Amino acid sequence: MSTPEENALTIRAAAEVFVPGSPHDPTPGAADVHAELFISHYLDFLIPGLATGLPDLLNELSAATFDGRTFVDLSPDERLTILDQLSTHDVEQLRELPLVLGLLSIASVYGEWTGQDAEGALTRRPLGWQLTGFDGPSRGRRKLLRRPEH
């Protein structure tokens, strides 16, 4: 059984497979936005305890495949190997976890989460908006509306 801090680092390491950040990518990645907080919240929303069980599973697969090493201690390519193994697991529900991790990792970086305060209010421009050049939701751009036909 891992500590909460170890679980968070394991989930962060998984998120880095999908959105690496520095030194593997010049733009901010999952570690830069503490994606593990977002991901853990949603994993436990889906299935209570999943944010604790998943790191244990990733570490078990890592230890069995890479001579006792933990998931965090693996290189990005080795982590991908473990996620690929998980995607072919005998238990059908476990095979879906790499996809869920990938989607949540991307959402943590490119979604509005990085712009929200503790209450969920959007208080700053999210990182994803900055990276993609999105200037926020429109409240209506009249010059883009079609003129009514008579």
C-alpha atoms as a PDB file:
ATOM      1  CA  MET A   1       0.000   0.000   0.000  1.00  0.00           C
ATOM      2  CA  SER A   2       1.425   3.351  -1.056  1.00  0.00           C
ATOM      3  CA  THR A   3       1.216   6.681   0.723  1.00  0.00           C
ATOM      4  CA  PRO A   4      -1.043   9.437  -0.677  1.00  0.00           C
ATOM      5  CA  GLU A   5       2.079  11.287  -1.839  1.00  0.00           C
ATOM      6  CA  GLU A   6       3.377   8.208  -3.664  1.00  0.00           C
ATOM      7  CA  ASN A   7      -0.034   7.676  -5.269  1.00  0.00           C
ATOM      8  CA  ALA A   8      -0.062  11.283  -6.471  1.00  0.00           C
ATOM      9  CA  LEU A   9       3.412  10.920  -7.996  1.00  0.00           C
ATOM     10  CA  THR A  10       2.369   7.709  -9.751  1.00  0.00           C
ATOM     11  CA  ILE A  11      -0.718   9.330 -11.252  1.00  0.00           C
ATOM     12  CA  ARG A  12       1.394  12.327 -12.281  1.00  0.00           C
ATOM     13  CA  ALA A  13       3.884   9.972 -13.954  1.00  0.00           C
ATOM     14  CA  ALA A  14       1.033   8.337 -15.885  1.00  0.00           C
ATOM     15  CA  ALA A  15      -0.288  11.737 -16.967  1.00  0.00           C
ATOM     16  CA  GLU A  16       3.179  12.703 -18.205  1.00  0.00           C
ATOM     17  CA  VAL A  17       3.008   9.857 -20.723  1.00  0.00           C
ATOM     18  CA  PHE A  18       0.137  11.681 -22.439  1.00  0.00           C
ATOM     19  CA  VAL A  19       1.176  15.326 -21.857  1.00  0.00           C
ATOM     20  CA  PRO A  20       4.916  15.235 -21.119  1.00  0.00           C
ATOM     21  CA  GLY A  21       6.043  18.848 -20.731  1.00  0.00           C
ATOM     22  CA  SER A  22       9.699  19.666 -20.161  1.00  0.00           C
ATOM     23  CA  PRO A  23      12.269  18.315 -20.816  1.00  0.00           C
ATOM     24  CA  HIS A  24      10.463  16.195 -23.436  1.00  0.00           C
ATOM     25  CA  ASP A  25       8.263  18.979 -24.838  1.00  0.00           C
ATOM     26  CA  PRO A  26       8.766  22.764 -24.843  1.00  0.00           C
ATOM     27  CA  THR A  27       5.229  23.496 -23.625  1.00  0.00           C
ATOM     28  CA  PRO A  28       3.949  22.922 -20.075  1.00  0.00           C
ATOM     29  CA  GLY A  29       2.759  19.424 -19.342  1.00  0.00           C
ATOM     30  CA  ALA A  30       0.813  17.404 -16.813  1.00  0.00           C
ATOM     31  CA  ALA A  31       3.382  17.816 -14.036  1.00  0.00           C
ATOM     32  CA  ASP A  32       3.390  21.594 -14.469  1.00  0.00           C
ATOM     33  CA  VAL A  33      -0.345  21.853 -13.732  1.00  0.00           C
ATOM     34  CA  HIS A  34      -0.410  19.146 -11.029  1.00  0.00           C
ATOM     35  CA  ALA A  35      -2.642  16.997 -13.197  1.00  0.00           C
ATOM     36  CA  GLU A  36      -2.691  14.325 -10.508  1.00  0.00           C
ATOM     37  CA  LEU A  37      -5.111  16.461  -8.463  1.00  0.00           C
ATOM     38  CA  PHE A  38      -7.585  16.710 -11.318  1.00  0.00           C
ATOM     39  CA  ILE A  39      -7.178  13.072 -12.336  1.00  0.00           C
ATOM     40  CA  SER A  40      -7.480  11.698  -8.790  1.00  0.00           C
ATOM     41  CA  HIS A  41     -10.655  13.683  -8.236  1.00  0.00           C
ATOM     42  CA  TYR A  42     -12.278  12.261 -11.364  1.00  0.00           C
ATOM     43  CA  LEU A  43     -11.039   8.707 -10.829  1.00  0.00           C
ATOM     44  CA  ASP A  44     -12.627   8.676  -7.376  1.00  0.00           C
ATOM     45  CA  PHE A  45     -15.772  10.241  -8.830  1.00  0.00           C
ATOM     46  CA  LEU A  46     -16.002   7.350 -11.306  1.00  0.00           C
ATOM     47  CA  ILE A  47     -15.215   4.626  -8.770  1.00  0.00           C
ATOM     48  CA  PRO A  48     -14.477   5.520  -5.138  1.00  0.00           C
ATOM     49  CA  GLY A  49     -10.970   4.299  -4.275  1.00  0.00           C
ATOM     50  CA  LEU A  50      -9.789   4.110  -7.897  1.00  0.00           C
ATOM     51  CA  ALA A  51      -7.246   6.899  -7.354  1.00  0.00           C
ATOM     52  CA  THR A  52      -5.614   4.690  -4.720  1.00  0.00           C
ATOM     53  CA  GLY A  53      -5.997   1.336  -6.468  1.00  0.00           C
ATOM     54  CA  LEU A  54      -4.706   2.405  -9.877  1.00  0.00           C
ATOM     55  CA  PRO A  55      -1.239   3.473  -8.655  1.00  0.00           C
ATOM     56  CA  ASP A  56      -0.903   0.145  -6.834  1.00  0.00           C
ATOM     57  CA  LEU A  57      -1.806  -1.698 -10.036  1.00  0.00           C
ATOM     58  CA  LEU A  58       0.645   0.353 -12.127  1.00  0.00           C
ATOM     59  CA  ASN A  59       3.392  -0.332  -9.583  1.00  0.00           C
ATOM     60  CA  GLU A  60       2.628  -4.072  -9.553  1.00  0.00           C
ATOM     61  CA  LEU A  61       2.823  -4.258 -13.341  1.00  0.00           C
ATOM     62  CA  SER A  62       6.017  -2.179 -13.318  1.00  0.00           C
ATOM     63  CA  ALA A  63       7.684  -4.340 -10.685  1.00  0.00           C
ATOM     64  CA  ALA A  64       6.808  -7.528 -12.566  1.00  0.00           C
ATOM     65  CA  THR A  65       8.015  -6.170 -15.910  1.00  0.00           C
ATOM     66  CA  PHE A  66      11.017  -4.043 -14.912  1.00  0.00           C
ATOM     67  CA  ASP A  67      12.830  -5.891 -12.113  1.00  0.00           C
ATOM     68  CA  GLY A  68      10.980  -4.468  -9.109  1.00  0.00           C
ATOM     69  CA  ARG A  69      11.027  -0.827 -10.226  1.00  0.00           C
ATOM     70  CA  THR A  70       8.081   1.431  -9.458  1.00  0.00           C
ATOM     71  CA  PHE A  71       6.095   3.169 -12.184  1.00  0.00           C
ATOM     72  CA  VAL A  72       7.582   6.552 -11.209  1.00  0.00           C
ATOM     73  CA  ASP A  73      11.117   5.189 -11.681  1.00  0.00           C
ATOM     74  CA  LEU A  74      10.451   4.147 -15.273  1.00  0.00           C
ATOM     75  CA  SER A  75      11.341   6.127 -18.379  1.00  0.00           C
ATOM     76  CA  PRO A  76       8.448   7.553 -20.422  1.00  0.00           C
ATOM     77  CA  ASP A  77       8.778   4.701 -22.927  1.00  0.00           C
ATOM     78  CA  GLU A  78       8.765   2.107 -20.148  1.00  0.00           C
ATOM     79  CA  ARG A  79       5.676   3.736 -18.631  1.00  0.00           C
ATOM     80  CA  LEU A  80       3.983   3.483 -22.017  1.00  0.00           C
ATOM     81  CA  THR A  81       4.850  -0.208 -22.056  1.00  0.00           C
ATOM     82  CA  ILE A  82       3.037  -0.647 -18.731  1.00  0.00           C
ATOM     83  CA  LEU A  83      -0.007   1.278 -19.967  1.00  0.00           C
ATOM     84  CA  ASP A  84      -0.007  -0.863 -23.115  1.00  0.00           C
ATOM     85  CA  GLN A  85       0.058  -3.977 -20.920  1.00  0.00           C
ATOM     86  CA  LEU A  86      -2.847  -2.630 -18.907  1.00  0.00           C
ATOM     87  CA  SER A  87      -4.814  -2.032 -22.119  1.00  0.00           C
ATOM     88  CA  THR A  88      -4.667  -5.777 -22.810  1.00  0.00           C
ATOM     89  CA  HIS A  89      -5.396  -6.922 -19.234  1.00  0.00           C
ATOM     90  CA  ASP A  90      -7.597  -9.968 -18.673  1.00  0.00           C
ATOM     91  CA  VAL A  91     -10.134  -7.847 -16.782  1.00  0.00           C
ATOM     92  CA  GLU A  92     -12.154  -5.826 -19.286  1.00  0.00           C
ATOM     93  CA  GLN A  93     -12.735  -2.822 -17.000  1.00  0.00           C
ATOM     94  CA  LEU A  94      -8.992  -2.490 -16.382  1.00  0.00           C
ATOM     95  CA  ARG A  95      -8.316  -2.366 -20.124  1.00  0.00           C
ATOM     96  CA  GLU A  96     -10.226   0.933 -20.257  1.00  0.00           C
ATOM     97  CA  LEU A  97      -8.019   2.676 -17.677  1.00  0.00           C
ATOM     98  CA  PRO A  98      -5.239   3.812 -20.049  1.00  0.00           C
ATOM     99  CA  LEU A  99      -7.842   5.556 -22.234  1.00  0.00           C
ATOM    100  CA  VAL A 100      -9.428   7.185 -19.182  1.00  0.00           C
ATOM    101  CA  LEU A 101      -5.996   8.282 -17.936  1.00  0.00           C
ATOM    102  CA  GLY A 102      -5.165   9.737 -21.336  1.00  0.00           C
ATOM    103  CA  LEU A 103      -8.385  11.693 -21.623  1.00  0.00           C
ATOM    104  CA  LEU A 104      -8.130  13.032 -18.071  1.00  0.00           C
ATOM    105  CA  SER A 105      -4.472  13.961 -18.600  1.00  0.00           C
ATOM    106  CA  ILE A 106      -5.312  15.988 -21.688  1.00  0.00           C
ATOM    107  CA  ALA A 107      -8.320  17.570 -19.976  1.00  0.00           C
ATOM    108  CA  SER A 108      -6.198  18.568 -16.985  1.00  0.00           C
ATOM    109  CA  VAL A 109      -3.836  20.578 -19.186  1.00  0.00           C
ATOM    110  CA  TYR A 110      -6.095  21.842 -21.957  1.00  0.00           C
ATOM    111  CA  GLY A 111      -9.414  22.159 -20.134  1.00  0.00           C
ATOM    112  CA  GLU A 112     -10.643  25.005 -17.993  1.00  0.00           C
ATOM    113  CA  TRP A 113      -9.435  23.383 -14.750  1.00  0.00           C
ATOM    114  CA  THR A 114      -6.169  25.373 -14.720  1.00  0.00           C
ATOM    115  CA  GLY A 115      -8.135  28.611 -14.744  1.00  0.00           C
ATOM    116  CA  GLN A 116     -10.492  27.781 -11.896  1.00  0.00           C
ATOM    117  CA  ASP A 117     -10.272  28.704  -8.242  1.00  0.00           C
ATOM    118  CA  ALA A 118     -10.979  26.253  -5.388  1.00  0.00           C
ATOM    119  CA  GLU A 119     -14.742  26.817  -5.794  1.00  0.00           C
ATOM    120  CA  GLY A 120     -14.669  26.088  -9.522  1.00  0.00           C
ATOM    121  CA  ALA A 121     -15.128  29.668 -10.727  1.00  0.00           C
ATOM    122  CA  LEU A 122     -13.114  30.645 -13.795  1.00  0.00           C
ATOM    123  CA  THR A 123     -10.819  33.367 -12.445  1.00  0.00           C
ATOM    124  CA  ARG A 124      -7.937  33.376 -14.931  1.00  0.00           C
ATOM    125  CA  ARG A 125      -7.177  32.276 -18.475  1.00  0.00           C
ATOM    126  CA  PRO A 126      -6.617  28.516 -18.444  1.00  0.00           C
ATOM    127  CA  LEU A 127      -3.315  27.181 -19.720  1.00  0.00           C
ATOM    128  CA  GLY A 128      -5.001  25.359 -22.608  1.00  0.00           C
ATOM    129  CA  TRP A 129      -6.483  28.605 -23.843  1.00  0.00           C
ATOM    130  CA  GLN A 130      -3.051  30.244 -23.723  1.00  0.00           C
ATOM    131  CA  LEU A 131      -1.380  27.353 -25.570  1.00  0.00           C
ATOM    132  CA  THR A 132      -4.012  27.171 -28.305  1.00  0.00           C
ATOM    133  CA  GLY A 133      -4.706  30.884 -28.684  1.00  0.00           C
ATOM    134  CA  PHE A 134      -8.353  30.509 -27.672  1.00  0.00           C
ATOM    135  CA  ASP A 135      -9.645  33.844 -26.392  1.00  0.00           C
ATOM    136  CA  GLY A 136     -12.505  32.415 -24.365  1.00  0.00           C
ATOM    137  CA  PRO A 137     -16.174  31.793 -24.929  1.00  0.00           C
ATOM    138  CA  SER A 138     -18.022  34.328 -26.997  1.00  0.00           C
ATOM    139  CA  ARG A 139     -21.095  36.045 -25.693  1.00  0.00           C
ATOM    140  CA  GLY A 140     -22.096  36.736 -29.258  1.00  0.00           C
ATOM    141  CA  ARG A 141     -20.240  38.206 -32.164  1.00  0.00           C
ATOM    142  CA  ARG A 142     -22.808  40.074 -34.166  1.00  0.00           C
ATOM    143  CA  LYS A 143     -20.530  40.602 -37.149  1.00  0.00           C
ATOM    144  CA  LEU A 144     -20.431  36.820 -37.608  1.00  0.00           C
ATOM    145  CA  LEU A 145     -24.184  36.367 -37.521  1.00  0.00           C
ATOM    146  CA  ARG A 146     -26.067  35.980 -40.787  1.00  0.00           C
ATOM    147  CA  ARG A 147     -28.400  38.715 -41.768  1.00  0.00           C
ATOM    148  CA  PRO A 148     -32.027  37.634 -41.732  1.00  0.00           C
ATOM    149  CA  GLU A 149     -33.448  36.992 -45.164  1.00  0.00           C
ATOM    150  CA  HIS A 150     -36.624  38.871 -46.079  1.00  0.00           C
END
